PDB file of N, CA and C in Angstrom:
ATOM      1  N   UNK A   1     -38.810   4.889 -14.118  1.00  0.00           N
ATOM      2  CA  UNK A   1     -37.472   4.916 -13.925  1.00  0.00           C
ATOM      3  C   UNK A   1     -37.298   3.916 -15.158  1.00  0.00           C
ATOM      4  N   UNK A   2     -37.268   2.698 -15.134  1.00  0.00           N
ATOM      5  CA  UNK A   2     -36.740   2.529 -16.290  1.00  0.00           C
ATOM      6  C   UNK A   2     -37.252   0.576 -15.725  1.00  0.00           C
ATOM      7  N   UNK A   3     -36.462   0.094 -17.220  1.00  0.00           N
ATOM      8  CA  UNK A   3     -36.946  -1.759 -15.920  1.00  0.00           C
ATOM      9  C   UNK A   3     -35.359  -2.095 -15.778  1.00  0.00           C
ATOM     10  N   UNK A   4     -35.850  -2.425 -14.850  1.00  0.00           N
ATOM     11  CA  UNK A   4     -34.751  -3.381 -13.936  1.00  0.00           C
ATOM     12  C   UNK A   4     -34.046  -4.923 -15.137  1.00  0.00           C
ATOM     13  N   UNK A   5     -33.078  -4.288 -14.807  1.00  0.00           N
ATOM     14  CA  UNK A   5     -32.098  -5.559 -15.687  1.00  0.00           C
ATOM     15  C   UNK A   5     -30.507  -5.889 -14.362  1.00  0.00           C
ATOM     16  N   UNK A   6     -31.272  -7.223 -14.555  1.00  0.00           N
ATOM     17  CA  UNK A   6     -29.647  -7.521 -13.137  1.00  0.00           C
ATOM     18  C   UNK A   6     -29.679  -6.322 -11.966  1.00  0.00           C
ATOM     19  N   UNK A   7     -29.944  -5.907 -11.546  1.00  0.00           N
ATOM     20  CA  UNK A   7     -30.224  -5.331 -10.000  1.00  0.00           C
ATOM     21  C   UNK A   7     -29.944  -3.479 -10.469  1.00  0.00           C
ATOM     22  N   UNK A   8     -30.633  -3.795 -11.684  1.00  0.00           N
ATOM     23  CA  UNK A   8     -30.418  -2.074 -12.309  1.00  0.00           C
ATOM     24  C   UNK A   8     -31.199  -1.648 -13.075  1.00  0.00           C
ATOM     25  N   UNK A   9     -30.885  -0.554 -12.625  1.00  0.00           N
ATOM     26  CA  UNK A   9     -32.591  -0.009 -13.165  1.00  0.00           C
ATOM     27  C   UNK A   9     -31.722   0.806 -15.072  1.00  0.00           C
ATOM     28  N   UNK A  10     -32.472   0.264 -15.935  1.00  0.00           N
ATOM     29  CA  UNK A  10     -31.772   0.568 -17.465  1.00  0.00           C
ATOM     30  C   UNK A  10     -32.917   2.218 -17.428  1.00  0.00           C
ATOM     31  N   UNK A  11     -32.182   3.332 -17.761  1.00  0.00           N
ATOM     32  CA  UNK A  11     -32.606   4.699 -18.116  1.00  0.00           C
ATOM     33  C   UNK A  11     -32.619   5.272 -19.601  1.00  0.00           C
ATOM     34  N   UNK A  12     -33.430   5.908 -20.072  1.00  0.00           N
ATOM     35  CA  UNK A  12     -32.970   6.007 -21.417  1.00  0.00           C
ATOM     36  C   UNK A  12     -32.863   7.990 -21.940  1.00  0.00           C
ATOM     37  N   UNK A  13     -31.314   7.311 -21.945  1.00  0.00           N
ATOM     38  CA  UNK A  13     -30.878   9.016 -21.931  1.00  0.00           C
ATOM     39  C   UNK A  13     -30.118   9.834 -23.270  1.00  0.00           C
ATOM     40  N   UNK A  14     -30.060  10.505 -23.969  1.00  0.00           N
ATOM     41  CA  UNK A  14     -29.984  10.685 -24.950  1.00  0.00           C
ATOM     42  C   UNK A  14     -28.425  11.356 -25.263  1.00  0.00           C
ATOM     43  N   UNK A  15     -27.427  11.575 -26.021  1.00  0.00           N
ATOM     44  CA  UNK A  15     -26.212  12.354 -26.181  1.00  0.00           C
ATOM     45  C   UNK A  15     -25.825  13.478 -27.401  1.00  0.00           C
ATOM     46  N   UNK A  16     -25.545  14.174 -26.571  1.00  0.00           N
ATOM     47  CA  UNK A  16     -24.607  15.054 -27.960  1.00  0.00           C
ATOM     48  C   UNK A  16     -22.968  14.595 -28.067  1.00  0.00           C
ATOM     49  N   UNK A  17     -22.312  14.187 -29.111  1.00  0.00           N
ATOM     50  CA  UNK A  17     -20.950  14.196 -29.272  1.00  0.00           C
ATOM     51  C   UNK A  17     -20.608  14.640 -30.218  1.00  0.00           C
ATOM     52  N   UNK A  18     -19.475  15.504 -30.551  1.00  0.00           N
ATOM     53  CA  UNK A  18     -18.679  15.874 -31.908  1.00  0.00           C
ATOM     54  C   UNK A  18     -18.314  14.102 -32.393  1.00  0.00           C
ATOM     55  N   UNK A  19     -18.261  14.150 -33.751  1.00  0.00           N
ATOM     56  CA  UNK A  19     -18.332  12.907 -34.603  1.00  0.00           C
ATOM     57  C   UNK A  19     -16.466  12.302 -34.151  1.00  0.00           C
ATOM     58  N   UNK A  20     -15.659  13.297 -33.816  1.00  0.00           N
ATOM     59  CA  UNK A  20     -14.729  12.666 -33.313  1.00  0.00           C
ATOM     60  C   UNK A  20     -14.563  11.729 -32.288  1.00  0.00           C
ATOM     61  N   UNK A  21     -15.473  12.433 -31.365  1.00  0.00           N
ATOM     62  CA  UNK A  21     -15.519  11.557 -30.154  1.00  0.00           C
ATOM     63  C   UNK A  21     -16.135  10.564 -30.085  1.00  0.00           C
ATOM     64  N   UNK A  22     -17.044  10.522 -31.026  1.00  0.00           N
ATOM     65  CA  UNK A  22     -18.032   9.105 -31.776  1.00  0.00           C
ATOM     66  C   UNK A  22     -17.687   8.611 -31.994  1.00  0.00           C
ATOM     67  N   UNK A  23     -16.497   8.169 -33.132  1.00  0.00           N
ATOM     68  CA  UNK A  23     -15.913   7.701 -33.605  1.00  0.00           C
ATOM     69  C   UNK A  23     -15.190   6.999 -33.401  1.00  0.00           C
ATOM     70  N   UNK A  24     -13.944   7.699 -31.578  1.00  0.00           N
ATOM     71  CA  UNK A  24     -13.734   7.273 -30.607  1.00  0.00           C
ATOM     72  C   UNK A  24     -13.978   6.055 -30.118  1.00  0.00           C
ATOM     73  N   UNK A  25     -14.580   5.905 -29.294  1.00  0.00           N
ATOM     74  CA  UNK A  25     -15.714   5.634 -28.962  1.00  0.00           C
ATOM     75  C   UNK A  25     -15.879   4.058 -28.936  1.00  0.00           C
ATOM     76  N   UNK A  26     -16.356   4.390 -30.992  1.00  0.00           N
ATOM     77  CA  UNK A  26     -16.560   3.279 -31.635  1.00  0.00           C
ATOM     78  C   UNK A  26     -15.158   2.406 -31.517  1.00  0.00           C
ATOM     79  N   UNK A  27     -14.076   2.375 -32.138  1.00  0.00           N
ATOM     80  CA  UNK A  27     -13.096   2.132 -32.378  1.00  0.00           C
ATOM     81  C   UNK A  27     -12.722   1.707 -30.261  1.00  0.00           C
ATOM     82  N   UNK A  28     -13.039   1.851 -29.500  1.00  0.00           N
ATOM     83  CA  UNK A  28     -12.203   1.328 -28.078  1.00  0.00           C
ATOM     84  C   UNK A  28     -13.476   0.526 -27.992  1.00  0.00           C
ATOM     85  N   UNK A  29     -14.662   0.686 -28.373  1.00  0.00           N
ATOM     86  CA  UNK A  29     -15.556  -0.593 -28.579  1.00  0.00           C
ATOM     87  C   UNK A  29     -15.052  -1.713 -29.252  1.00  0.00           C
ATOM     88  N   UNK A  30     -15.001  -1.815 -30.182  1.00  0.00           N
ATOM     89  CA  UNK A  30     -14.352  -2.593 -30.760  1.00  0.00           C
ATOM     90  C   UNK A  30     -13.138  -3.176 -30.563  1.00  0.00           C
ATOM     91  N   UNK A  31     -12.156  -2.475 -30.192  1.00  0.00           N
ATOM     92  CA  UNK A  31     -10.974  -2.918 -29.890  1.00  0.00           C
ATOM     93  C   UNK A  31     -10.994  -4.127 -29.226  1.00  0.00           C
ATOM     94  N   UNK A  32     -12.207  -3.105 -27.453  1.00  0.00           N
ATOM     95  CA  UNK A  32     -12.441  -3.916 -25.899  1.00  0.00           C
ATOM     96  C   UNK A  32     -13.243  -4.950 -26.266  1.00  0.00           C
ATOM     97  N   UNK A  33     -13.662  -5.448 -27.338  1.00  0.00           N
ATOM     98  CA  UNK A  33     -14.853  -6.256 -27.579  1.00  0.00           C
ATOM     99  C   UNK A  33     -16.215  -5.818 -27.020  1.00  0.00           C
ATOM    100  N   UNK A  34     -16.209  -4.514 -26.615  1.00  0.00           N
ATOM    101  CA  UNK A  34     -17.403  -4.278 -25.805  1.00  0.00           C
ATOM    102  C   UNK A  34     -18.456  -3.595 -25.824  1.00  0.00           C
ATOM    103  N   UNK A  35     -19.597  -3.505 -25.674  1.00  0.00           N
ATOM    104  CA  UNK A  35     -20.504  -2.789 -26.048  1.00  0.00           C
ATOM    105  C   UNK A  35     -20.488  -1.218 -25.396  1.00  0.00           C
ATOM    106  N   UNK A  36     -21.332   0.145 -26.132  1.00  0.00           N
ATOM    107  CA  UNK A  36     -21.308   1.200 -25.813  1.00  0.00           C
ATOM    108  C   UNK A  36     -21.244   1.832 -25.062  1.00  0.00           C
ATOM    109  N   UNK A  37     -22.886   1.542 -23.873  1.00  0.00           N
ATOM    110  CA  UNK A  37     -23.211   1.354 -22.451  1.00  0.00           C
ATOM    111  C   UNK A  37     -22.423   1.081 -21.697  1.00  0.00           C
ATOM    112  N   UNK A  38     -21.963   0.059 -21.798  1.00  0.00           N
ATOM    113  CA  UNK A  38     -20.747  -0.458 -20.650  1.00  0.00           C
ATOM    114  C   UNK A  38     -19.518   0.212 -20.173  1.00  0.00           C
ATOM    115  N   UNK A  39     -19.432   0.127 -21.790  1.00  0.00           N
ATOM    116  CA  UNK A  39     -17.911   1.194 -21.754  1.00  0.00           C
ATOM    117  C   UNK A  39     -18.119   2.725 -20.726  1.00  0.00           C
ATOM    118  N   UNK A  40     -18.972   3.161 -21.296  1.00  0.00           N
ATOM    119  CA  UNK A  40     -19.093   4.563 -20.927  1.00  0.00           C
ATOM    120  C   UNK A  40     -19.251   4.171 -19.787  1.00  0.00           C
ATOM    121  N   UNK A  41     -19.856   4.155 -18.500  1.00  0.00           N
ATOM    122  CA  UNK A  41     -20.007   3.603 -17.662  1.00  0.00           C
ATOM    123  C   UNK A  41     -19.246   3.499 -16.409  1.00  0.00           C
ATOM    124  N   UNK A  42     -18.301   2.433 -17.390  1.00  0.00           N
ATOM    125  CA  UNK A  42     -16.801   2.550 -16.701  1.00  0.00           C
ATOM    126  C   UNK A  42     -16.213   3.678 -17.113  1.00  0.00           C
ATOM    127  N   UNK A  43     -15.643   4.012 -17.298  1.00  0.00           N
ATOM    128  CA  UNK A  43     -15.189   5.574 -18.096  1.00  0.00           C
ATOM    129  C   UNK A  43     -15.940   6.792 -16.512  1.00  0.00           C
ATOM    130  N   UNK A  44     -17.232   6.234 -16.561  1.00  0.00           N
ATOM    131  CA  UNK A  44     -18.148   7.593 -15.721  1.00  0.00           C
ATOM    132  C   UNK A  44     -17.011   7.180 -14.298  1.00  0.00           C
ATOM    133  N   UNK A  45     -17.320   6.140 -14.295  1.00  0.00           N
ATOM    134  CA  UNK A  45     -17.345   4.973 -12.881  1.00  0.00           C
ATOM    135  C   UNK A  45     -15.856   5.925 -12.394  1.00  0.00           C
ATOM    136  N   UNK A  46     -14.486   5.427 -13.586  1.00  0.00           N
ATOM    137  CA  UNK A  46     -13.593   6.027 -13.108  1.00  0.00           C
ATOM    138  C   UNK A  46     -12.913   7.444 -12.686  1.00  0.00           C
ATOM    139  N   UNK A  47     -14.621   7.784 -13.415  1.00  0.00           N
ATOM    140  CA  UNK A  47     -13.738   9.043 -13.211  1.00  0.00           C
ATOM    141  C   UNK A  47     -14.888  10.188 -11.888  1.00  0.00           C
ATOM    142  N   UNK A  48     -15.874   9.730 -11.144  1.00  0.00           N
ATOM    143  CA  UNK A  48     -16.205   9.631 -10.040  1.00  0.00           C
ATOM    144  C   UNK A  48     -15.236   8.884  -9.038  1.00  0.00           C
ATOM    145  N   UNK A  49     -14.325   8.101  -9.375  1.00  0.00           N
ATOM    146  CA  UNK A  49     -13.567   7.212  -7.752  1.00  0.00           C
ATOM    147  C   UNK A  49     -12.294   8.818  -8.600  1.00  0.00           C
ATOM    148  N   UNK A  50     -12.119   8.930  -8.743  1.00  0.00           N
ATOM    149  CA  UNK A  50     -10.455   9.451  -9.221  1.00  0.00           C
ATOM    150  C   UNK A  50     -10.737  10.966  -8.727  1.00  0.00           C
ATOM    151  N   UNK A  51     -12.715  11.245  -8.882  1.00  0.00           N
ATOM    152  CA  UNK A  51     -12.809  13.166  -7.603  1.00  0.00           C
ATOM    153  C   UNK A  51     -12.973  12.278  -6.629  1.00  0.00           C
ATOM    154  N   UNK A  52     -13.439  11.640  -6.232  1.00  0.00           N
ATOM    155  CA  UNK A  52     -13.599  10.981  -4.517  1.00  0.00           C
ATOM    156  C   UNK A  52     -12.399  11.443  -4.142  1.00  0.00           C
ATOM    157  N   UNK A  53     -11.240  10.189  -4.641  1.00  0.00           N
ATOM    158  CA  UNK A  53      -9.733  10.523  -4.156  1.00  0.00           C
ATOM    159  C   UNK A  53      -9.305  11.202  -3.950  1.00  0.00           C
ATOM    160  N   UNK A  54      -9.246  12.415  -4.678  1.00  0.00           N
ATOM    161  CA  UNK A  54      -8.845  14.016  -4.706  1.00  0.00           C
ATOM    162  C   UNK A  54      -9.810  14.568  -3.979  1.00  0.00           C
ATOM    163  N   UNK A  55     -10.721  14.509  -3.331  1.00  0.00           N
ATOM    164  CA  UNK A  55     -11.917  15.322  -2.868  1.00  0.00           C
ATOM    165  C   UNK A  55     -11.432  14.958  -1.249  1.00  0.00           C
ATOM    166  N   UNK A  56     -11.416  13.176  -1.479  1.00  0.00           N
ATOM    167  CA  UNK A  56     -10.678  12.403   0.214  1.00  0.00           C
ATOM    168  C   UNK A  56      -9.664  13.361   0.812  1.00  0.00           C
ATOM    169  N   UNK A  57      -8.779  13.315   0.200  1.00  0.00           N
ATOM    170  CA  UNK A  57      -7.727  13.254   0.089  1.00  0.00           C
ATOM    171  C   UNK A  57      -7.118  15.821   0.283  1.00  0.00           C
ATOM    172  N   UNK A  58      -7.813  15.466   0.358  1.00  0.00           N
ATOM    173  CA  UNK A  58      -7.827  17.169   0.733  1.00  0.00           C
ATOM    174  C   UNK A  58      -8.407  17.718   2.224  1.00  0.00           C
ATOM    175  N   UNK A  59      -8.107  17.075   2.951  1.00  0.00           N
ATOM    176  CA  UNK A  59      -9.044  17.325   3.949  1.00  0.00           C
ATOM    177  C   UNK A  59      -8.268  17.178   5.333  1.00  0.00           C
ATOM    178  N   UNK A  60      -8.305  18.328   5.833  1.00  0.00           N
ATOM    179  CA  UNK A  60      -7.117  18.523   7.035  1.00  0.00           C
ATOM    180  C   UNK A  60      -7.754  18.580   8.985  1.00  0.00           C
ATOM    181  N   UNK A  61      -7.311  18.225  10.004  1.00  0.00           N
ATOM    182  CA  UNK A  61      -7.469  18.602  10.656  1.00  0.00           C
ATOM    183  C   UNK A  61      -6.712  20.206  11.337  1.00  0.00           C
ATOM    184  N   UNK A  62      -7.953  21.151  11.448  1.00  0.00           N
ATOM    185  CA  UNK A  62      -8.352  22.355  12.246  1.00  0.00           C
ATOM    186  C   UNK A  62      -8.055  22.913  13.326  1.00  0.00           C
ATOM    187  N   UNK A  63      -6.909  23.714  13.534  1.00  0.00           N
ATOM    188  CA  UNK A  63      -6.442  23.066  15.278  1.00  0.00           C
ATOM    189  C   UNK A  63      -7.353  24.060  15.764  1.00  0.00           C
ATOM    190  N   UNK A  64      -7.656  25.155  14.593  1.00  0.00           N
ATOM    191  CA  UNK A  64      -9.397  26.609  15.015  1.00  0.00           C
ATOM    192  C   UNK A  64     -10.416  26.015  14.964  1.00  0.00           C
ATOM    193  N   UNK A  65     -11.244  25.242  14.612  1.00  0.00           N
ATOM    194  CA  UNK A  65     -12.488  24.793  14.711  1.00  0.00           C
ATOM    195  C   UNK A  65     -12.838  23.416  14.643  1.00  0.00           C
ATOM    196  N   UNK A  66     -11.476  22.256  15.575  1.00  0.00           N
ATOM    197  CA  UNK A  66     -10.706  21.166  16.113  1.00  0.00           C
ATOM    198  C   UNK A  66     -11.941  20.539  15.440  1.00  0.00           C
ATOM    199  N   UNK A  67     -12.070  20.566  13.867  1.00  0.00           N
ATOM    200  CA  UNK A  67     -12.628  19.660  12.923  1.00  0.00           C
ATOM    201  C   UNK A  67     -11.564  18.847  11.836  1.00  0.00           C
ATOM    202  N   UNK A  68     -12.157  17.931  11.886  1.00  0.00           N
ATOM    203  CA  UNK A  68     -11.338  18.021   9.922  1.00  0.00           C
ATOM    204  C   UNK A  68     -12.804  18.668   8.451  1.00  0.00           C
ATOM    205  N   UNK A  69     -11.520  19.039   7.427  1.00  0.00           N
ATOM    206  CA  UNK A  69     -12.264  20.131   6.481  1.00  0.00           C
ATOM    207  C   UNK A  69     -11.562  20.389   5.520  1.00  0.00           C
ATOM    208  N   UNK A  70     -11.704  20.555   5.011  1.00  0.00           N
ATOM    209  CA  UNK A  70     -11.742  20.844   3.527  1.00  0.00           C
ATOM    210  C   UNK A  70     -10.633  21.630   3.776  1.00  0.00           C
ATOM    211  N   UNK A  71      -9.296  21.621   2.884  1.00  0.00           N
ATOM    212  CA  UNK A  71      -8.584  22.639   2.149  1.00  0.00           C
ATOM    213  C   UNK A  71      -8.024  23.733   1.170  1.00  0.00           C
ATOM    214  N   UNK A  72      -8.595  24.255   1.589  1.00  0.00           N
ATOM    215  CA  UNK A  72      -8.171  25.210   0.738  1.00  0.00           C
ATOM    216  C   UNK A  72      -5.948  25.388  -0.297  1.00  0.00           C
ATOM    217  N   UNK A  73      -5.772  25.692  -1.081  1.00  0.00           N
ATOM    218  CA  UNK A  73      -4.658  25.630  -1.521  1.00  0.00           C
ATOM    219  C   UNK A  73      -4.828  27.229  -2.626  1.00  0.00           C
ATOM    220  N   UNK A  74      -3.363  27.872  -1.763  1.00  0.00           N
ATOM    221  CA  UNK A  74      -3.780  29.282  -3.812  1.00  0.00           C
ATOM    222  C   UNK A  74      -1.636  28.894  -3.655  1.00  0.00           C
ATOM    223  N   UNK A  75      -1.487  28.743  -4.466  1.00  0.00           N
ATOM    224  CA  UNK A  75      -0.523  29.653  -5.249  1.00  0.00           C
ATOM    225  C   UNK A  75      -0.092  27.750  -5.879  1.00  0.00           C
ATOM    226  N   UNK A  76       0.985  28.061  -6.364  1.00  0.00           N
ATOM    227  CA  UNK A  76       1.859  26.617  -7.110  1.00  0.00           C
ATOM    228  C   UNK A  76       3.528  26.366  -6.434  1.00  0.00           C
ATOM    229  N   UNK A  77       4.753  27.165  -6.816  1.00  0.00           N
ATOM    230  CA  UNK A  77       5.612  27.528  -6.254  1.00  0.00           C
ATOM    231  C   UNK A  77       5.648  26.888  -4.378  1.00  0.00           C
ATOM    232  N   UNK A  78       5.488  27.430  -4.156  1.00  0.00           N
ATOM    233  CA  UNK A  78       4.891  27.866  -2.098  1.00  0.00           C
ATOM    234  C   UNK A  78       3.602  27.217  -1.698  1.00  0.00           C
ATOM    235  N   UNK A  79       2.895  27.112  -2.066  1.00  0.00           N
ATOM    236  CA  UNK A  79       0.765  27.060  -2.121  1.00  0.00           C
ATOM    237  C   UNK A  79       1.245  27.040  -0.350  1.00  0.00           C
ATOM    238  N   UNK A  80       0.268  27.948  -0.252  1.00  0.00           N
ATOM    239  CA  UNK A  80      -0.425  28.665   1.124  1.00  0.00           C
ATOM    240  C   UNK A  80      -1.692  27.266   1.759  1.00  0.00           C
ATOM    241  N   UNK A  81      -1.894  26.514   2.527  1.00  0.00           N
ATOM    242  CA  UNK A  81      -2.938  26.168   2.427  1.00  0.00           C
ATOM    243  C   UNK A  81      -4.357  26.452   3.618  1.00  0.00           C
ATOM    244  N   UNK A  82      -5.718  26.765   3.413  1.00  0.00           N
ATOM    245  CA  UNK A  82      -6.749  26.721   4.455  1.00  0.00           C
ATOM    246  C   UNK A  82      -7.500  26.535   4.895  1.00  0.00           C
ATOM    247  N   UNK A  83      -7.729  26.808   6.049  1.00  0.00           N
ATOM    248  CA  UNK A  83      -9.121  25.551   5.868  1.00  0.00           C
ATOM    249  C   UNK A  83     -10.421  26.450   5.051  1.00  0.00           C
ATOM    250  N   UNK A  84     -11.338  26.274   5.016  1.00  0.00           N
ATOM    251  CA  UNK A  84     -12.413  26.410   4.548  1.00  0.00           C
ATOM    252  C   UNK A  84     -13.287  26.785   4.898  1.00  0.00           C
ATOM    253  N   UNK A  85     -13.829  26.349   6.544  1.00  0.00           N
ATOM    254  CA  UNK A  85     -14.676  26.795   7.170  1.00  0.00           C
ATOM    255  C   UNK A  85     -14.201  28.357   8.001  1.00  0.00           C
ATOM    256  N   UNK A  86     -13.273  28.151   8.375  1.00  0.00           N
ATOM    257  CA  UNK A  86     -12.579  29.637   9.325  1.00  0.00           C
ATOM    258  C   UNK A  86     -11.746  30.150   8.743  1.00  0.00           C
ATOM    259  N   UNK A  87     -10.882  30.295   7.359  1.00  0.00           N
ATOM    260  CA  UNK A  87      -9.507  30.828   6.675  1.00  0.00           C
ATOM    261  C   UNK A  87      -8.455  30.427   7.695  1.00  0.00           C
ATOM    262  N   UNK A  88      -8.167  30.176   8.527  1.00  0.00           N
ATOM    263  CA  UNK A  88      -7.193  29.694   9.110  1.00  0.00           C
ATOM    264  C   UNK A  88      -5.535  28.701   8.258  1.00  0.00           C
ATOM    265  N   UNK A  89      -4.619  30.125   8.311  1.00  0.00           N
ATOM    266  CA  UNK A  89      -3.631  29.584   7.768  1.00  0.00           C
ATOM    267  C   UNK A  89      -3.634  28.183   8.447  1.00  0.00           C
ATOM    268  N   UNK A  90      -2.481  26.681   7.542  1.00  0.00           N
ATOM    269  CA  UNK A  90      -2.427  25.643   8.213  1.00  0.00           C
ATOM    270  C   UNK A  90      -1.178  25.788   7.642  1.00  0.00           C
ATOM    271  N   UNK A  91      -1.487  26.203   6.435  1.00  0.00           N
ATOM    272  CA  UNK A  91       0.917  26.162   6.038  1.00  0.00           C
ATOM    273  C   UNK A  91       1.947  25.528   6.677  1.00  0.00           C
ATOM    274  N   UNK A  92       2.208  25.618   7.647  1.00  0.00           N
ATOM    275  CA  UNK A  92       2.422  25.594   8.922  1.00  0.00           C
ATOM    276  C   UNK A  92       2.636  24.240   9.158  1.00  0.00           C
ATOM    277  N   UNK A  93       1.666  24.065   9.705  1.00  0.00           N
ATOM    278  CA  UNK A  93       1.782  23.036  10.244  1.00  0.00           C
ATOM    279  C   UNK A  93       1.583  21.461   9.205  1.00  0.00           C
ATOM    280  N   UNK A  94       0.757  22.080   8.232  1.00  0.00           N
ATOM    281  CA  UNK A  94       1.453  20.843   7.322  1.00  0.00           C
ATOM    282  C   UNK A  94       1.944  20.492   5.629  1.00  0.00           C
ATOM    283  N   UNK A  95       3.263  21.459   5.922  1.00  0.00           N
ATOM    284  CA  UNK A  95       4.314  21.600   5.539  1.00  0.00           C
ATOM    285  C   UNK A  95       4.846  20.106   7.036  1.00  0.00           C
ATOM    286  N   UNK A  96       4.983  20.828   8.032  1.00  0.00           N
ATOM    287  CA  UNK A  96       5.803  19.927   8.745  1.00  0.00           C
ATOM    288  C   UNK A  96       5.573  18.625   8.493  1.00  0.00           C
ATOM    289  N   UNK A  97       4.479  18.009   8.630  1.00  0.00           N
ATOM    290  CA  UNK A  97       3.717  16.836   8.597  1.00  0.00           C
ATOM    291  C   UNK A  97       4.002  15.886   7.381  1.00  0.00           C
ATOM    292  N   UNK A  98       4.155  17.233   6.118  1.00  0.00           N
ATOM    293  CA  UNK A  98       4.754  16.242   5.403  1.00  0.00           C
ATOM    294  C   UNK A  98       6.465  16.657   4.808  1.00  0.00           C
ATOM    295  N   UNK A  99       6.982  16.475   5.815  1.00  0.00           N
ATOM    296  CA  UNK A  99       8.662  16.363   5.994  1.00  0.00           C
ATOM    297  C   UNK A  99       8.598  15.089   6.570  1.00  0.00           C
TER     298      UNK A  99
END
């Protein structure tokens, strides 16, 4: 997989970037006085944490399933909330708890 380096494995990968992205990354690395790999690792880790936080906050106890499930949201102005497992409408329960 790669050679061990301070408890991590390094893996050679190639990616294709457009020129403006490559210039932006070069400028940010110079500005932050860092190398490209740690900078990109940091960006990916921040995005991973954002996605994890978003998905973990999107669960609710379904009274029909009797367990914690992901919630599907439909609509923008007055959203409706549904259990992703059994499709039970949980809008009233969720709105009551948020008031």
